[in-house]
């Protein structure tokens, strides 16, 4: 889940590496303890099998320093308070497959990938590398998600502590487990479920509207980082399968050169933009597990252990 600011590549799991990963637990307390436990249990059951750590944050280490920093004083950035970004394995897979198909990875095309699922984020990529992304210090930042709030004014958190007398655990639960689509709708975190209730349930409609509004806003921001847009790729459970959400996000984005073909979009076609659209809009299925398998194979082969 998290490699901090140190790890840019997959690594063979060793006792020394595990010590470093354990030191990173405060950065991902909801994920790393479970992952460390799984590594240890597997090691006991299969002591002679090599294990490889593939860090979800590694892909974003190519972001310029200005895209990684928060406007905080002191040396907090030196202490690891940075915008790390996540969904890196998904983005790496999508951009790799896209590059094989089109050659854009090496030609420097301006690409935004929207990974929309239970977790949701976007990346601005150029030359196959991450230039910026919507998630930050944690996976709770950026877009509205199924149960995560997305971006919040820092004072909201302070207000919850001070005025509502909530403790850290309660705020964490509110932001990560009771926010997002579930929090706004009050009924469900599932986009298809909300779409089926949209007509008769105003809160379901509000949750969908907010999800699409925030995605549209961040899409504009990612395009600004790149100085324009050549390709937009939708992936993830919602991005791959829910045509109406893609349509709502792209509506009104003609100024960026985005024009959808309604027929192609309705059937989740591989290319859903109009033939005259300056921006090619695609739908691609991600495969983080295959990306992990490839990294593992390549690393062990390089070490003569594959």
Protein backbone atom coordinates (compact mmCIF):
# COMPACT_ATOMS: atom_id res chain seq x y z
CA UNK A 1 0.00 0.00 0.00
CA UNK A 2 2.68 2.50 1.00
CA UNK A 3 6.35 2.86 0.20
CA UNK A 4 6.84 6.32 1.64
CA UNK A 5 9.25 8.56 -0.26
CA UNK A 6 11.96 5.88 -0.40
CA UNK A 7 10.67 3.17 -2.68
CA UNK A 8 10.36 3.70 -6.41
CA UNK A 9 10.63 0.05 -7.46
CA UNK A 10 9.45 -3.37 -6.22
CA UNK A 11 11.76 -5.03 -3.70
CA UNK A 12 12.40 -8.55 -2.52
CA UNK A 13 11.04 -8.90 1.00
CA UNK A 14 13.86 -9.31 3.52
CA UNK A 15 14.05 -8.77 7.30
CA UNK A 16 15.64 -5.36 6.71
CA UNK A 17 12.88 -4.34 4.28
CA UNK A 18 10.22 -5.45 6.76
CA UNK A 19 11.73 -3.17 9.40
CA UNK A 20 11.39 -0.21 7.03
CA UNK A 21 7.81 -1.15 6.10
CA UNK A 22 6.93 -1.40 9.79
CA UNK A 23 8.32 2.11 10.27
CA UNK A 24 5.89 3.30 7.56
CA UNK A 25 2.81 2.00 9.42
CA UNK A 26 1.79 5.46 10.71
CA UNK A 27 1.39 6.53 7.06
CA UNK A 28 -1.12 3.75 6.31
CA UNK A 29 -2.50 2.43 9.61
CA UNK A 30 -5.62 0.96 7.99
CA UNK A 31 -3.66 -1.07 5.44
CA UNK A 32 -0.04 -1.85 6.31
CA UNK A 33 -0.67 -3.82 9.55
CA UNK A 34 -2.89 -6.27 7.66
CA UNK A 35 -0.41 -6.56 4.80
CA UNK A 36 2.51 -7.13 7.19
CA UNK A 37 0.50 -9.83 8.95
CA UNK A 38 -0.24 -11.54 5.62
CA UNK A 39 3.46 -11.49 4.68
CA UNK A 40 4.42 -13.03 8.02
CA UNK A 41 1.73 -15.73 7.90
CA UNK A 42 2.73 -16.68 4.35
CA UNK A 43 6.38 -16.85 5.40
CA UNK A 44 5.52 -19.33 8.16
CA UNK A 45 3.46 -21.50 5.82
CA UNK A 46 5.80 -21.30 2.83
CA UNK A 47 9.23 -20.38 4.22
CA UNK A 48 11.13 -21.11 1.00
CA UNK A 49 8.89 -19.07 -1.33
CA UNK A 50 10.20 -15.64 -2.29
CA UNK A 51 7.94 -12.66 -1.63
CA UNK A 52 8.07 -9.31 -3.39
CA UNK A 53 6.71 -5.97 -2.18
CA UNK A 54 5.10 -3.87 -4.93
CA UNK A 55 4.35 -0.40 -3.58
CA UNK A 56 1.18 1.35 -4.71
CA UNK A 57 2.83 4.73 -4.16
CA UNK A 58 5.98 4.03 -6.19
CA UNK A 59 4.55 5.09 -9.55
CA UNK A 60 3.97 8.65 -8.33
CA UNK A 61 7.53 9.27 -7.21
CA UNK A 62 8.14 10.84 -10.63
CA UNK A 63 5.90 13.77 -9.70
CA UNK A 64 7.73 17.10 -9.61
CA UNK A 65 8.59 18.27 -6.11
CA UNK A 66 6.06 21.09 -6.33
CA UNK A 67 3.29 18.53 -6.90
CA UNK A 68 4.36 16.56 -3.83
CA UNK A 69 4.60 19.36 -1.29
CA UNK A 70 2.07 20.77 1.13
CA UNK A 71 2.22 24.43 2.12
CA UNK A 72 3.24 23.73 5.70
CA UNK A 73 6.08 25.25 7.66
CA UNK A 74 9.08 23.64 9.26
CA UNK A 75 10.66 20.54 7.81
CA UNK A 76 7.52 18.42 7.74
CA UNK A 77 8.13 17.52 4.12
CA UNK A 78 11.53 16.15 5.14
CA UNK A 79 9.70 14.09 7.76
CA UNK A 80 7.47 12.50 5.13
CA UNK A 81 4.42 14.78 5.12
CA UNK A 82 4.00 14.73 1.34
CA UNK A 83 1.46 14.06 -1.35
CA UNK A 84 2.20 10.43 -2.19
CA UNK A 85 -0.67 9.39 -4.44
CA UNK A 86 -2.09 5.88 -4.76
CA UNK A 87 -3.59 3.51 -7.36
CA UNK A 88 -0.08 3.48 -8.78
CA UNK A 89 -0.17 -0.18 -9.82
CA UNK A 90 -3.42 0.40 -11.69
CA UNK A 91 -2.05 3.47 -13.47
CA UNK A 92 1.18 1.70 -14.33
CA UNK A 93 -0.76 -1.16 -15.91
CA UNK A 94 -3.16 1.09 -17.84
CA UNK A 95 -0.45 3.37 -19.20
CA UNK A 96 1.76 0.43 -20.09
CA UNK A 97 -0.99 -1.28 -22.07
CA UNK A 98 -2.02 2.01 -23.63
CA UNK A 99 1.57 2.71 -24.63
CA UNK A 100 1.90 -0.71 -26.28
CA UNK A 101 -1.25 -0.05 -28.27
CA UNK A 102 -0.66 3.54 -29.31
CA UNK A 103 2.99 4.43 -28.73
CA UNK A 104 1.84 7.40 -26.65
CA UNK A 105 3.98 6.35 -23.67
CA UNK A 106 7.13 7.23 -25.58
CA UNK A 107 5.77 10.11 -27.64
CA UNK A 108 4.92 12.31 -24.66
CA UNK A 109 1.15 12.47 -25.11
CA UNK A 110 -0.86 14.20 -22.40
CA UNK A 111 -3.00 11.57 -20.68
CA UNK A 112 -5.44 11.69 -17.78
CA UNK A 113 -6.50 8.34 -16.32
CA UNK A 114 -9.60 8.28 -14.12
CA UNK A 115 -9.64 5.25 -11.84
CA UNK A 116 -13.21 5.32 -10.57
CA UNK A 117 -14.27 2.54 -8.22
CA UNK A 118 -14.78 2.09 -4.47
CA UNK A 119 -11.61 4.14 -4.26
CA UNK A 120 -11.38 6.88 -6.86
CA UNK A 121 -8.55 9.02 -8.15
CA UNK A 122 -7.07 10.56 -11.29
CA UNK A 123 -3.55 10.90 -12.58
CA UNK A 124 -2.04 13.39 -15.01
CA UNK A 125 0.62 11.52 -16.99
CA UNK A 126 3.10 12.46 -19.65
CA UNK A 127 5.60 10.13 -21.26
CA UNK A 128 4.10 7.33 -19.18
CA UNK A 129 5.05 9.06 -15.92
CA UNK A 130 2.95 10.60 -13.16
CA UNK A 131 2.99 14.41 -13.16
CA UNK A 132 0.25 14.85 -10.54
CA UNK A 133 -2.59 12.92 -8.95
CA UNK A 134 -5.67 13.63 -6.87
CA UNK A 135 -4.95 11.48 -3.81
CA UNK A 136 -2.42 12.95 -1.43
CA UNK A 137 -0.92 12.00 1.94
CA UNK A 138 -3.57 9.29 2.25
CA UNK A 139 -6.10 7.56 -0.02
CA UNK A 140 -8.86 9.64 1.57
CA UNK A 141 -7.94 12.79 -0.40
CA UNK A 142 -9.13 14.00 -3.77
CA UNK A 143 -12.29 12.71 -5.40
CA UNK A 144 -15.51 11.67 -3.67
CA UNK A 145 -15.42 7.88 -3.23
CA UNK A 146 -17.74 5.11 -2.06
CA UNK A 147 -17.13 5.70 1.66
CA UNK A 148 -14.22 8.17 1.68
CA UNK A 149 -14.92 11.88 1.80
CA UNK A 150 -12.31 13.11 -0.65
CA UNK A 151 -10.75 16.53 -0.08
CA UNK A 152 -11.70 18.41 3.08
CA UNK A 153 -10.82 21.83 4.44
CA UNK A 154 -8.37 21.05 7.30
CA UNK A 155 -10.56 23.09 9.62
CA UNK A 156 -13.38 20.56 9.19
CA UNK A 157 -11.23 18.01 11.01
CA UNK A 158 -10.24 20.51 13.70
CA UNK A 159 -13.89 21.50 14.09
CA UNK A 160 -14.92 17.88 14.59
CA UNK A 161 -12.26 17.48 17.27
CA UNK A 162 -12.94 20.77 19.04
CA UNK A 163 -16.66 21.44 18.72
CA UNK A 164 -18.08 17.94 18.30
CA UNK A 165 -15.63 16.35 20.78
CA UNK A 166 -14.88 13.45 18.45
CA UNK A 167 -11.71 11.45 18.97
CA UNK A 168 -9.23 10.31 16.31
CA UNK A 169 -10.90 6.93 15.81
CA UNK A 170 -14.33 8.51 15.33
CA UNK A 171 -13.08 11.06 12.81
CA UNK A 172 -11.13 8.40 10.95
CA UNK A 173 -14.27 6.28 10.70
CA UNK A 174 -16.33 9.25 9.56
CA UNK A 175 -13.88 10.23 6.82
CA UNK A 176 -12.99 6.75 5.57
CA UNK A 177 -16.00 4.54 6.33
CA UNK A 178 -19.03 6.83 6.57
CA UNK A 179 -18.20 9.54 4.03
CA UNK A 180 -18.39 9.70 0.25
CA UNK A 181 -21.42 8.32 -1.56
CA UNK A 182 -22.60 6.55 1.59
CA UNK A 183 -22.32 9.64 3.74
CA UNK A 184 -24.12 11.96 1.32
CA UNK A 185 -26.85 9.51 0.30
CA UNK A 186 -27.35 7.93 3.69
CA UNK A 187 -28.38 4.68 2.00
CA UNK A 188 -25.60 3.12 -0.08
CA UNK A 189 -21.98 3.31 -1.18
CA UNK A 190 -22.72 1.48 -4.44
CA UNK A 191 -23.04 3.71 -7.52
CA UNK A 192 -25.36 1.35 -9.41
CA UNK A 193 -27.62 1.11 -6.37
CA UNK A 194 -27.76 4.89 -6.11
CA UNK A 195 -28.50 5.27 -9.83
CA UNK A 196 -31.45 2.90 -9.47
CA UNK A 197 -32.85 5.09 -6.67
CA UNK A 198 -31.91 8.48 -8.10
CA UNK A 199 -35.34 9.38 -9.46
CA UNK A 200 -37.19 8.93 -6.17
CA UNK A 201 -34.47 9.65 -3.61
CA UNK A 202 -33.11 13.22 -3.52
CA UNK A 203 -30.13 12.22 -1.36
CA UNK A 204 -29.10 9.51 -3.81
CA UNK A 205 -29.31 12.10 -6.58
CA UNK A 206 -27.23 14.53 -4.54
CA UNK A 207 -24.50 11.94 -3.95
CA UNK A 208 -24.26 11.15 -7.66
CA UNK A 209 -24.20 14.83 -8.57
CA UNK A 210 -21.39 15.54 -6.10
CA UNK A 211 -19.35 12.56 -7.31
CA UNK A 212 -19.57 13.75 -10.92
CA UNK A 213 -19.03 17.42 -10.07
CA UNK A 214 -15.84 16.72 -8.17
CA UNK A 215 -14.58 14.38 -10.89
CA UNK A 216 -15.24 17.04 -13.53
CA UNK A 217 -13.42 19.66 -11.45
CA UNK A 218 -10.36 17.48 -10.91
CA UNK A 219 -10.32 16.47 -14.57
CA UNK A 220 -9.93 20.15 -15.43
CA UNK A 221 -7.14 20.48 -12.87
CA UNK A 222 -5.23 17.48 -14.23
CA UNK A 223 -5.54 18.85 -17.78
CA UNK A 224 -4.18 22.19 -16.55
CA UNK A 225 -1.12 20.42 -15.07
CA UNK A 226 -0.44 18.88 -18.47
CA UNK A 227 -1.06 22.09 -20.43
CA UNK A 228 -3.88 20.43 -22.34
CA UNK A 229 -5.22 16.97 -23.00
CA UNK A 230 -4.78 14.37 -25.73
CA UNK A 231 -6.24 11.24 -24.13
CA UNK A 232 -8.70 10.51 -21.33
CA UNK A 233 -8.96 6.95 -20.04
CA UNK A 234 -11.66 5.63 -17.71
CA UNK A 235 -10.95 2.54 -15.61
CA UNK A 236 -12.04 0.95 -12.32
CA UNK A 237 -15.44 -0.57 -11.56
CA UNK A 238 -17.41 2.63 -12.18
CA UNK A 239 -15.15 3.96 -14.91
CA UNK A 240 -15.29 0.72 -16.89
CA UNK A 241 -18.97 -0.13 -16.49
CA UNK A 242 -21.20 2.88 -15.76
CA UNK A 243 -21.75 4.80 -18.97
CA UNK A 244 -24.04 7.42 -17.45
CA UNK A 245 -21.33 8.52 -14.99
CA UNK A 246 -18.76 8.86 -17.76
CA UNK A 247 -21.27 10.92 -19.74
CA UNK A 248 -22.01 13.25 -16.81
CA UNK A 249 -18.33 13.81 -16.08
CA UNK A 250 -17.57 14.64 -19.71
CA UNK A 251 -20.62 16.84 -20.27
CA UNK A 252 -19.61 20.47 -20.59
CA UNK A 253 -15.94 19.58 -21.14
CA UNK A 254 -16.03 20.35 -24.86
CA UNK A 255 -13.74 23.32 -24.22
CA UNK A 256 -11.03 20.74 -23.46
CA UNK A 257 -11.77 18.91 -26.71
CA UNK A 258 -13.84 16.12 -25.14
CA UNK A 259 -16.78 14.94 -27.24
CA UNK A 260 -18.40 11.58 -26.50
CA UNK A 261 -20.18 9.29 -28.93
CA UNK A 262 -23.36 8.30 -27.05
CA UNK A 263 -23.71 4.97 -28.84
CA UNK A 264 -20.12 3.90 -28.15
CA UNK A 265 -20.36 5.07 -24.57
CA UNK A 266 -23.61 3.18 -23.90
CA UNK A 267 -22.00 -0.15 -24.81
CA UNK A 268 -18.74 0.55 -22.92
CA UNK A 269 -16.76 0.52 -26.16
CA UNK A 270 -12.95 0.70 -26.06
CA UNK A 271 -13.08 4.16 -27.66
CA UNK A 272 -16.11 6.22 -26.65
CA UNK A 273 -15.21 9.61 -28.11
CA UNK A 274 -16.69 10.99 -31.30
CA UNK A 275 -14.49 10.55 -34.36
CA UNK A 276 -14.13 14.34 -34.59
CA UNK A 277 -13.15 14.70 -30.92
CA UNK A 278 -9.67 16.23 -30.49
CA UNK A 279 -9.34 14.19 -27.27
CA UNK A 280 -9.55 10.42 -27.58
CA UNK A 281 -11.65 9.02 -24.72
CA UNK A 282 -11.16 5.36 -23.89
CA UNK A 283 -12.43 2.68 -21.52
CA UNK A 284 -9.81 0.20 -20.34
CA UNK A 285 -10.00 -2.62 -17.83
CA UNK A 286 -7.30 -2.39 -15.20
CA UNK A 287 -5.41 -5.35 -13.74
CA UNK A 288 -3.36 -4.54 -10.67
CA UNK A 289 -2.83 -8.23 -9.87
CA UNK A 290 -1.21 -8.83 -13.27
CA UNK A 291 1.00 -5.77 -12.74
CA UNK A 292 2.16 -7.22 -9.41
CA UNK A 293 2.80 -10.60 -11.05
CA UNK A 294 4.86 -8.96 -13.80
CA UNK A 295 6.94 -7.00 -11.31
CA UNK A 296 7.54 -10.12 -9.24
CA UNK A 297 8.58 -12.18 -12.25
CA UNK A 298 10.89 -9.48 -13.60
CA UNK A 299 12.56 -8.86 -10.25
CA UNK A 300 13.18 -12.52 -9.50
CA UNK A 301 14.38 -13.17 -13.05
CA UNK A 302 16.81 -10.26 -12.75
CA UNK A 303 18.14 -11.73 -9.53
CA UNK A 304 18.44 -15.16 -11.12
CA UNK A 305 15.70 -16.56 -8.89
CA UNK A 306 12.82 -16.72 -11.36
